[in-house]
Protein backbone atom coordinates (compact mmCIF):
# COMPACT_ATOMS: atom_id res chain seq x y z
CA LYS A 1 -118.17 62.20 146.32
CA ALA A 2 -116.43 64.89 144.29
CA SER A 3 -116.59 68.46 145.40
CA GLY A 4 -115.85 71.76 143.74
CA THR A 5 -115.63 75.43 144.40
CA GLY A 6 -119.16 76.01 143.14
CA SER A 7 -122.48 74.29 143.71
CA ILE A 8 -123.03 70.73 142.50
CA VAL A 9 -124.66 70.27 139.10
CA ARG A 10 -128.32 69.37 139.39
CA GLY A 11 -128.75 66.09 137.59
CA SER A 12 -127.52 64.69 134.32
CA PRO A 13 -127.79 66.50 130.94
CA ILE A 14 -128.73 63.24 129.23
CA GLY A 15 -131.11 61.68 131.76
CA PRO A 16 -134.59 62.40 133.10
CA GLU A 17 -133.38 65.82 134.23
CA LEU A 18 -133.35 66.80 130.55
CA LEU A 19 -137.07 66.12 130.49
CA HIS A 20 -137.52 68.42 133.47
CA ALA A 21 -135.52 71.18 131.78
CA LEU A 22 -137.61 70.97 128.61
CA GLY A 23 -140.84 70.79 130.59
CA PRO A 24 -144.10 70.31 128.67
CA ARG A 25 -142.22 70.70 125.37
CA ALA A 26 -140.05 67.64 125.99
CA ALA A 27 -141.99 65.43 123.60
CA ASP A 28 -141.99 68.14 120.88
CA ALA A 29 -138.21 68.56 121.15
CA LEU A 30 -137.18 64.91 121.56
CA ALA A 31 -139.83 62.95 119.66
CA PRO A 32 -141.71 65.37 117.38
CA SER A 33 -143.18 62.69 115.12
CA THR A 34 -144.66 60.33 117.72
CA GLY A 35 -144.48 62.00 121.12
CA LEU A 36 -142.94 58.79 122.45
CA ILE A 37 -139.42 59.48 123.68
CA GLY A 38 -136.72 56.86 123.21
CA ALA A 39 -134.24 56.16 125.99
CA LEU A 40 -131.48 53.61 126.56
CA VAL A 41 -130.87 52.15 129.97
CA ALA A 42 -127.69 50.54 131.29
CA TYR A 43 -128.32 47.67 133.74
CA PRO A 44 -126.01 45.21 135.52
CA ARG A 45 -124.48 42.62 133.23
CA ASP A 46 -125.65 39.78 135.46
CA ALA A 47 -129.28 40.87 135.02
CA ARG A 48 -131.71 40.69 132.10
CA ALA A 49 -133.43 43.57 130.34
CA GLN A 50 -136.75 41.87 130.97
CA ASP A 51 -136.10 42.08 134.73
CA PHE A 52 -136.63 45.84 134.42
CA GLY A 53 -139.40 45.71 131.83
CA LEU A 54 -136.99 46.72 129.06
CA GLU A 55 -136.43 45.49 125.54
CA PRO A 56 -132.87 44.08 125.14
CA VAL A 57 -130.65 45.97 122.72
CA ALA A 58 -127.10 44.91 123.58
CA PRO A 59 -125.41 43.23 126.57
CA GLY A 60 -126.18 45.43 129.56
CA ILE A 61 -128.32 47.89 127.55
CA GLY A 62 -132.10 47.96 127.26
CA ARG A 63 -134.57 50.11 125.39
CA LEU A 64 -137.25 52.22 127.03
CA ARG A 65 -139.77 54.12 124.93
CA GLY A 66 -142.80 56.06 125.99
CA THR A 67 -144.12 59.38 127.20
CA ALA A 68 -142.02 61.66 129.36
CA GLN A 69 -144.17 60.60 132.31
CA LYS A 70 -143.39 56.93 131.70
CA ILE A 71 -139.65 57.58 131.53
CA GLU A 72 -139.71 59.74 134.65
CA SER A 73 -141.66 57.05 136.53
CA PHE A 74 -139.13 54.43 135.47
CA ALA A 75 -136.26 56.68 136.60
CA SER A 76 -137.89 57.18 140.00
CA ALA A 77 -138.33 53.46 140.41
CA HIS A 78 -134.75 52.70 139.36
CA PRO A 79 -132.56 55.59 140.60
CA ASP A 80 -129.36 53.54 140.31
CA LEU A 81 -129.68 52.84 136.58
CA ARG A 82 -128.04 55.06 133.97
CA ILE A 83 -130.62 56.47 131.52
CA GLU A 84 -129.61 58.20 128.30
CA ILE A 85 -131.98 60.41 126.32
CA ALA A 86 -130.78 62.01 123.08
CA PRO A 87 -132.26 64.63 120.71
CA PRO A 88 -133.30 63.70 117.14
CA LEU A 89 -130.80 63.45 114.31
CA HIS A 90 -131.25 65.49 111.13
CA PRO A 91 -130.02 65.28 107.51
CA LEU A 92 -127.54 68.08 106.90
CA MET A 93 -126.63 67.97 103.22
CA ASP A 94 -128.83 70.98 102.51
CA ARG A 95 -126.34 73.09 104.48
CA ALA A 96 -123.33 72.19 102.36
CA GLY A 97 -124.11 74.89 99.78
CA GLN A 98 -124.34 77.47 102.52
CA TRP A 99 -121.05 76.47 104.15
CA VAL A 100 -119.07 76.75 100.90
CA LEU A 101 -121.04 79.80 99.68
CA ALA A 102 -122.18 78.01 96.51
CA ALA A 103 -125.72 79.32 96.88
CA LYS A 104 -124.35 82.85 97.19
CA ALA A 105 -122.14 82.35 94.13
CA ARG A 106 -125.17 81.29 92.09
CA GLU A 107 -127.16 84.27 93.36
CA LEU A 108 -124.51 86.95 92.77
CA ARG A 109 -122.51 85.58 89.83
CA ALA A 110 -124.77 82.98 88.21
CA ALA A 111 -121.94 80.53 88.90
CA ASP A 112 -123.90 77.31 88.51
CA GLY A 113 -121.33 75.19 86.64
CA LYS A 114 -122.68 75.74 83.15
CA GLY A 115 -120.01 74.95 80.56
CA VAL A 116 -117.89 73.05 83.11
CA MET A 117 -117.43 69.29 83.44
CA ILE A 118 -117.38 67.59 86.83
CA GLY A 119 -115.58 64.28 86.98
CA VAL A 120 -116.30 61.72 89.68
CA ALA A 121 -114.50 58.45 90.28
CA ASP A 122 -116.47 56.32 92.70
CA THR A 123 -118.61 53.22 93.29
CA GLY A 124 -120.94 53.80 90.35
CA LEU A 125 -123.75 56.07 89.22
CA ASP A 126 -127.48 55.44 88.90
CA VAL A 127 -127.95 57.09 85.51
CA THR A 128 -131.74 56.75 85.83
CA HIS A 129 -131.84 59.02 88.89
CA PRO A 130 -133.95 62.17 88.28
CA GLU A 131 -131.08 64.38 89.48
CA MET A 132 -128.92 63.01 86.68
CA ARG A 133 -131.52 63.98 84.03
CA ASP A 134 -131.94 67.30 82.29
CA GLU A 135 -135.20 69.20 81.76
CA ALA A 136 -135.88 67.24 78.57
CA GLY A 137 -135.37 63.93 80.33
CA GLY A 138 -131.98 63.24 78.77
CA SER A 139 -128.88 62.26 80.66
CA ARG A 140 -126.58 64.85 82.21
CA VAL A 141 -123.73 62.36 81.99
CA ALA A 142 -121.53 63.38 79.06
CA TRP A 143 -119.20 60.37 79.32
CA MET A 144 -118.90 57.30 81.51
CA LEU A 145 -116.36 54.52 81.95
CA ASP A 146 -117.74 51.53 83.88
CA LEU A 147 -114.98 49.15 84.95
CA SER A 148 -117.53 46.69 86.33
CA LEU A 149 -118.81 45.92 82.81
CA GLU A 150 -117.19 43.97 79.98
CA PRO A 151 -116.15 45.97 76.90
CA GLY A 152 -118.32 45.89 73.81
CA GLY A 153 -119.69 49.37 73.41
CA VAL A 154 -119.48 51.55 70.33
CA HIS A 155 -116.33 53.33 71.59
CA ALA A 156 -113.83 50.54 71.10
CA ASP A 157 -110.93 52.95 70.81
CA LEU A 158 -111.56 54.43 74.25
CA GLU A 159 -112.12 51.00 75.76
CA GLN A 160 -108.78 49.91 74.32
CA ARG A 161 -107.02 52.93 75.86
CA PHE A 162 -108.67 52.96 79.29
CA GLY A 163 -110.03 49.44 79.84
CA ILE A 164 -108.47 46.73 82.01
CA LYS A 165 -106.24 44.32 80.03
CA ASP A 166 -105.05 40.83 80.82
CA ASP A 167 -101.50 39.57 80.30
CA THR A 168 -102.12 39.12 76.58
CA GLY A 169 -103.28 42.70 76.11
CA LYS A 170 -106.94 41.79 75.71
CA VAL A 171 -109.42 44.26 77.23
CA ILE A 172 -111.45 42.31 79.80
CA ALA A 173 -113.21 45.09 81.72
CA GLY A 174 -114.36 48.63 81.04
CA ARG A 175 -117.23 49.80 78.84
CA VAL A 176 -117.48 53.41 77.67
CA PHE A 177 -120.78 55.25 77.30
CA SER A 178 -121.43 58.63 75.74
CA LYS A 179 -124.46 60.78 76.54
CA GLN A 180 -126.19 59.45 73.43
CA ASP A 181 -125.57 55.88 74.53
CA ILE A 182 -127.11 56.53 77.94
CA ASP A 183 -130.06 58.41 76.40
CA ASP A 184 -130.77 55.37 74.24
CA LEU A 185 -130.72 53.10 77.29
CA LEU A 186 -133.10 55.41 79.16
CA VAL A 187 -135.58 55.30 76.27
CA ARG A 188 -135.45 51.50 76.22
CA ILE A 189 -136.13 51.34 79.94
CA GLU A 190 -138.99 53.85 79.82
CA ASN A 191 -140.65 52.03 76.89
CA GLY A 192 -140.40 48.65 78.59
CA PHE A 193 -137.85 47.11 76.24
CA CYS A 194 -135.58 46.38 79.20
CA ASP A 195 -136.75 45.48 82.69
CA GLU A 196 -134.17 44.96 85.42
CA LYS A 197 -136.78 43.08 87.47
CA LYS A 198 -136.19 40.20 85.04
CA GLY A 199 -132.60 39.93 86.24
CA ARG A 200 -130.70 41.76 83.52
CA LYS A 201 -128.80 45.01 83.89
CA CYS A 202 -130.34 47.70 81.71
CA ALA A 203 -128.02 50.64 82.44
CA PRO A 204 -124.99 51.59 84.55
CA SER A 205 -125.89 51.49 88.22
CA ASP A 206 -124.54 51.88 91.75
CA GLU A 207 -125.27 49.01 94.12
CA ILE A 208 -123.42 50.67 96.97
CA GLY A 209 -124.82 54.16 96.49
CA HIS A 210 -121.78 56.22 97.48
CA GLY A 211 -120.98 57.35 93.95
CA THR A 212 -124.52 58.53 93.24
CA HIS A 213 -124.49 60.35 96.57
CA VAL A 214 -121.21 62.09 95.75
CA ALA A 215 -122.33 63.03 92.24
CA GLY A 216 -125.48 64.50 93.74
CA ILE A 217 -123.50 66.64 96.16
CA ALA A 218 -121.42 67.93 93.26
CA ALA A 219 -124.00 68.41 90.53
CA SER A 220 -127.59 67.53 91.46
CA THR A 221 -130.19 69.91 90.05
CA GLY A 222 -132.34 70.04 93.18
CA ALA A 223 -135.23 69.45 90.80
CA LYS A 224 -137.80 68.71 93.52
CA ASP A 225 -137.62 71.97 95.50
CA GLY A 226 -134.04 73.24 95.11
CA ARG A 227 -133.21 72.43 98.74
CA TYR A 228 -130.66 69.78 97.89
CA ALA A 229 -129.17 71.34 94.77
CA GLY A 230 -125.55 70.42 94.20
CA ILE A 231 -122.60 72.80 94.16
CA ALA A 232 -122.70 73.06 90.36
CA PRO A 233 -126.23 72.06 89.27
CA ALA A 234 -125.74 73.05 85.60
CA ALA A 235 -122.45 71.17 85.04
CA ASP A 236 -122.10 68.07 82.86
CA VAL A 237 -120.86 64.89 84.55
CA VAL A 238 -118.08 62.56 83.51
CA PHE A 239 -118.14 59.45 85.68
CA VAL A 240 -115.89 56.47 86.18
CA ARG A 241 -117.05 53.47 88.13
CA VAL A 242 -113.88 52.14 89.74
CA THR A 243 -115.42 49.25 91.67
CA ARG A 244 -116.46 45.77 90.60
CA GLY A 245 -119.72 44.15 91.75
CA ALA A 246 -120.82 45.05 95.26
CA SER A 247 -117.30 45.66 96.55
CA ASP A 248 -116.24 49.17 97.59
CA GLY A 249 -112.55 48.40 97.24
CA ILE A 250 -110.76 50.60 94.70
CA GLU A 251 -107.38 49.71 93.23
CA ASN A 252 -104.83 52.48 92.97
CA ASP A 253 -104.14 51.78 89.30
CA ASP A 254 -107.85 52.03 88.51
CA LEU A 255 -108.00 55.41 90.17
CA VAL A 256 -105.08 56.64 88.06
CA ARG A 257 -106.84 55.26 84.97
CA ALA A 258 -110.04 57.04 85.98
CA VAL A 259 -108.38 60.43 86.31
CA GLU A 260 -106.71 59.98 82.91
CA PHE A 261 -110.05 59.14 81.28
CA MET A 262 -111.91 62.09 82.78
CA PHE A 263 -109.35 64.69 81.76
CA ASP A 264 -109.05 63.07 78.29
CA ARG A 265 -112.80 63.53 77.76
CA ALA A 266 -112.66 67.14 78.93
CA ASP A 267 -109.79 67.85 76.56
CA ALA A 268 -111.70 66.22 73.70
CA ASP A 269 -114.65 68.53 74.32
CA LYS A 270 -112.33 71.48 75.05
CA ARG A 271 -113.98 72.04 78.43
CA PRO A 272 -112.61 72.83 81.89
CA MET A 273 -112.82 69.91 84.29
CA VAL A 274 -113.01 69.55 88.08
CA VAL A 275 -112.33 65.97 89.23
CA ASN A 276 -113.72 64.90 92.59
CA LEU A 277 -112.16 62.02 94.51
CA SER A 278 -114.19 61.37 97.67
CA LEU A 279 -111.94 58.46 98.52
CA GLY A 280 -109.32 57.83 101.15
CA SER A 281 -106.82 55.39 102.59
CA ASP A 282 -104.97 54.90 105.86
CA PHE A 283 -102.04 53.34 104.05
CA GLY A 284 -98.80 55.13 103.30
CA PRO A 285 -97.06 58.33 104.41
CA HIS A 286 -99.81 60.68 103.13
CA ASP A 287 -97.22 63.10 101.82
CA GLY A 288 -97.67 62.60 98.08
CA THR A 289 -94.59 60.46 97.60
CA PHE A 290 -96.29 57.26 96.38
CA LEU A 291 -96.05 56.75 92.64
CA TRP A 292 -99.84 56.55 92.22
CA GLU A 293 -100.15 59.88 94.03
CA GLN A 294 -97.52 61.43 91.79
CA ALA A 295 -99.25 60.04 88.69
CA ILE A 296 -102.55 61.67 89.66
CA ALA A 297 -100.88 64.95 90.66
CA ALA A 298 -99.14 65.07 87.27
CA GLN A 299 -102.54 65.59 85.64
CA VAL A 300 -102.84 69.11 87.09
CA GLY A 301 -100.57 72.11 87.45
CA PRO A 302 -99.46 75.19 85.47
CA GLU A 303 -98.94 73.12 82.33
CA HIS A 304 -102.57 71.88 82.49
CA PRO A 305 -104.81 74.96 82.64
CA GLY A 306 -108.51 74.35 83.24
CA ARG A 307 -107.91 71.27 85.38
CA VAL A 308 -108.60 70.84 89.08
CA ILE A 309 -108.54 67.79 91.38
CA VAL A 310 -110.39 67.90 94.70
CA ALA A 311 -109.57 65.02 97.04
CA ALA A 312 -111.17 64.07 100.34
CA ALA A 313 -109.41 65.17 103.50
CA GLY A 314 -111.67 63.23 105.88
CA ASN A 315 -115.05 63.79 107.47
CA SER A 316 -113.88 65.02 110.86
CA GLY A 317 -112.80 68.58 110.14
CA SER A 318 -113.63 71.62 112.23
CA ILE A 319 -116.45 73.86 111.01
CA VAL A 320 -115.06 77.24 112.03
CA GLU A 321 -118.10 79.41 111.39
CA THR A 322 -120.53 76.91 112.89
CA PRO A 323 -118.96 75.62 116.13
CA ILE A 324 -120.48 72.15 116.14
CA HIS A 325 -117.03 70.53 116.27
CA GLN A 326 -113.83 72.29 117.22
CA SER A 327 -110.28 71.04 117.63
CA VAL A 328 -108.61 73.25 120.23
CA ARG A 329 -105.01 73.51 121.36
CA VAL A 330 -104.43 75.07 124.77
CA THR A 331 -101.03 76.57 125.63
CA PRO A 332 -99.67 76.91 129.18
CA GLY A 333 -100.27 80.24 130.87
CA ALA A 334 -103.25 81.27 128.73
CA ARG A 335 -107.00 80.82 129.01
CA MET A 336 -108.59 79.56 125.81
CA ARG A 337 -112.20 80.77 125.33
CA VAL A 338 -114.18 78.84 122.71
CA PRO A 339 -117.23 80.95 121.75
CA ILE A 340 -120.80 79.75 121.33
CA ARG A 341 -123.32 82.34 120.14
CA THR A 342 -126.97 81.80 121.05
CA HIS A 343 -130.26 83.66 120.82
CA GLY A 344 -131.29 82.42 124.26
CA ALA A 345 -134.21 80.13 125.05
CA ASP A 346 -137.31 79.99 127.17
CA SER A 347 -136.93 76.23 127.55
CA GLY A 348 -134.02 74.18 126.28
CA SER A 349 -130.59 72.68 126.74
CA VAL A 350 -127.07 73.13 125.38
CA GLN A 351 -124.44 70.43 125.83
CA VAL A 352 -120.78 70.67 124.86
CA TRP A 353 -118.94 67.38 125.02
CA ILE A 354 -115.19 67.65 125.42
CA THR A 355 -112.77 64.81 124.74
CA LEU A 356 -109.12 65.22 125.74
CA ARG A 357 -106.40 63.97 123.45
CA ARG A 358 -103.54 61.94 124.80
CA GLY A 359 -101.25 63.96 127.06
CA ALA A 360 -103.70 66.83 127.54
CA ASP A 361 -103.92 68.30 131.05
CA LEU A 362 -106.76 70.80 131.17
CA LYS A 363 -109.08 72.66 133.50
CA ILE A 364 -112.57 73.30 132.11
CA GLY A 365 -115.09 76.05 132.91
CA LEU A 366 -117.91 78.14 131.47
CA ASP A 367 -118.44 81.88 130.95
CA GLY A 368 -121.94 83.26 130.36
CA PRO A 369 -122.92 86.48 128.59
CA ASP A 370 -122.55 88.38 131.86
CA GLY A 371 -119.18 86.97 132.92
CA GLU A 372 -117.72 83.91 134.55
CA TRP A 373 -120.32 81.30 135.48
CA ILE A 374 -118.04 78.41 136.46
CA ALA A 375 -114.29 78.77 136.99
CA PRO A 376 -112.05 76.28 135.16
CA GLY A 377 -111.92 73.15 137.32
CA GLU A 378 -109.82 70.00 137.64
CA PRO A 379 -110.79 66.46 136.55
CA GLY A 380 -112.84 64.51 139.08
CA ARG A 381 -115.03 67.50 139.96
CA GLN A 382 -118.46 68.77 139.05
CA ASN A 383 -119.22 72.45 139.52
CA GLY A 384 -122.47 74.23 138.90
CA LYS A 385 -124.34 77.52 138.76
CA ASN A 386 -128.04 77.22 139.59
CA THR A 387 -130.68 79.95 139.38
CA ASN A 388 -134.44 80.09 139.28
CA ASP A 389 -134.27 80.26 135.48
CA TYR A 390 -131.43 77.97 134.51
CA ASN A 391 -128.94 75.39 135.74
CA ALA A 392 -125.40 75.21 134.38
CA GLY A 393 -122.62 72.80 135.14
CA VAL A 394 -119.32 71.20 134.24
CA ILE A 395 -119.14 67.48 134.85
CA TYR A 396 -115.50 66.46 134.44
CA GLY A 397 -114.59 62.79 134.58
CA SER A 398 -116.25 59.39 134.50
CA ASN A 399 -115.73 58.61 138.20
CA LEU A 400 -118.35 61.04 139.49
CA ASP A 401 -121.75 59.99 140.77
CA ASN A 402 -124.19 59.79 137.82
CA SER A 403 -121.53 61.11 135.41
CA PRO A 404 -122.59 60.93 131.75
CA ILE A 405 -118.95 60.41 130.73
CA PRO A 406 -118.34 56.72 129.83
CA GLU A 407 -115.74 54.89 131.90
CA THR A 408 -113.41 54.44 128.95
CA SER A 409 -113.60 58.13 127.96
CA ARG A 410 -111.45 60.99 129.27
CA GLY A 411 -113.30 64.23 129.16
CA ALA A 412 -116.18 66.39 130.37
CA VAL A 413 -119.57 67.73 129.46
CA VAL A 414 -120.51 71.39 129.88
CA VAL A 415 -124.25 72.00 130.04
CA TRP A 416 -126.75 74.75 130.65
CA GLN A 417 -130.48 74.17 130.51
CA GLY A 418 -133.80 75.79 131.36
CA LYS A 419 -134.39 79.44 130.44
CA TRP A 420 -131.14 81.19 129.57
CA PRO A 421 -130.25 84.61 128.14
CA ALA A 422 -129.08 85.38 124.64
CA GLY A 423 -125.46 86.31 124.02
CA ASN A 424 -122.01 84.80 123.73
CA TYR A 425 -121.07 81.88 125.92
CA TYR A 426 -117.54 80.55 126.21
CA ILE A 427 -116.10 77.17 127.10
CA THR A 428 -112.95 78.11 129.05
CA LEU A 429 -109.87 75.91 128.97
CA GLU A 430 -106.62 76.26 130.91
CA GLY A 431 -103.52 74.06 130.95
CA SER A 432 -101.88 72.38 127.97
CA GLY A 433 -102.80 69.96 125.20
CA MET A 434 -105.46 69.28 122.58
CA ALA A 435 -109.19 68.73 123.02
CA GLU A 436 -112.12 67.98 120.72
CA LEU A 437 -115.38 69.86 121.40
CA TYR A 438 -118.79 68.81 120.05
CA MET A 439 -121.95 70.87 120.61
CA GLN A 440 -125.60 69.84 120.73
CA GLY A 441 -128.44 72.29 121.31
CA LEU A 442 -132.19 71.94 121.88
């Protein structure tokens, strides 16, 4: 059994002890809609979930759902089984405007995108979506190139320039729509002249949904209550569907073609354009040296005023002002203190999960608002600070009794739960190497 310089942590931050810490408010915090708390239970691989009265979920994992009392009774009857309880998940897109200060820009400068075009190259766009309609019911899409459709629209010249051609030079894919074209389609749909339930496609669509999602982030009006307004809710949209059918694969040449089309339409309307590419690849050196990268980059620069390209950099970045995820490098001889600011709680829990990168050699501790709570400790130890109001601990390693750290993971969890004071807390790190920190609070 591991030992440390401080007292042993009381219980697991993800098991029945979490129910104890939350007390009578456990159901409100963990299952606000039903009051029935969901838990997952790990059992021996040579057993069956039914042997424990569980519903099978995956090999060696069963589902337990019920009141806090039911889960606590099960835990008492099966003290050797690992039980995981997690807080609810929440949609977070309404915070995007706050993080990038778009809401503040609209408030102070009326910077809502009016007069600007936003270009999106993606999986498609549901042009019937209310967020893509203006106050009069017309389309907010100024131009659209759909590479999943055959040519044959009224803009043959544009289809010839930007459509997909076979070896003979014949355009075989790519239909162009103007705002008027889309408005006409919307009227036909609303008056019953075209019904997609009969198996025909009435307007450009998005079977995958990613493109509509991205366009909404960029330019949705937030018509329902304003909560999910896009970054530029008054901008006009130029869209290129760069996928065929239900596939989400995008060819590099089609992406180059899409960027050319979008900037061409902005130039034709003499409007500034911001192109959004929420796309990525794990192929190549990622240094801009591929020809398709150079071709796209050539569309912007000092010789092309009024043009911007914004490309995805991944979904795993660090949110500096909101320390939910932090990437931290620790240098030898120094103590790194990662701050967490709280307003305190009468009943609750904070968990900070720490994953070490390859080669990292770290000690991990916790400082409270009044000073050091747990000194930085070595792997294979669990140290705690227990009071009448709260319990705090650092559980470091997967080989400890009842450790919440999976066997294949190298890291720790820092937790404090119960009634704790307001102020600044700090995860303390000593040693060398990189670590990823993820925070969850209740």
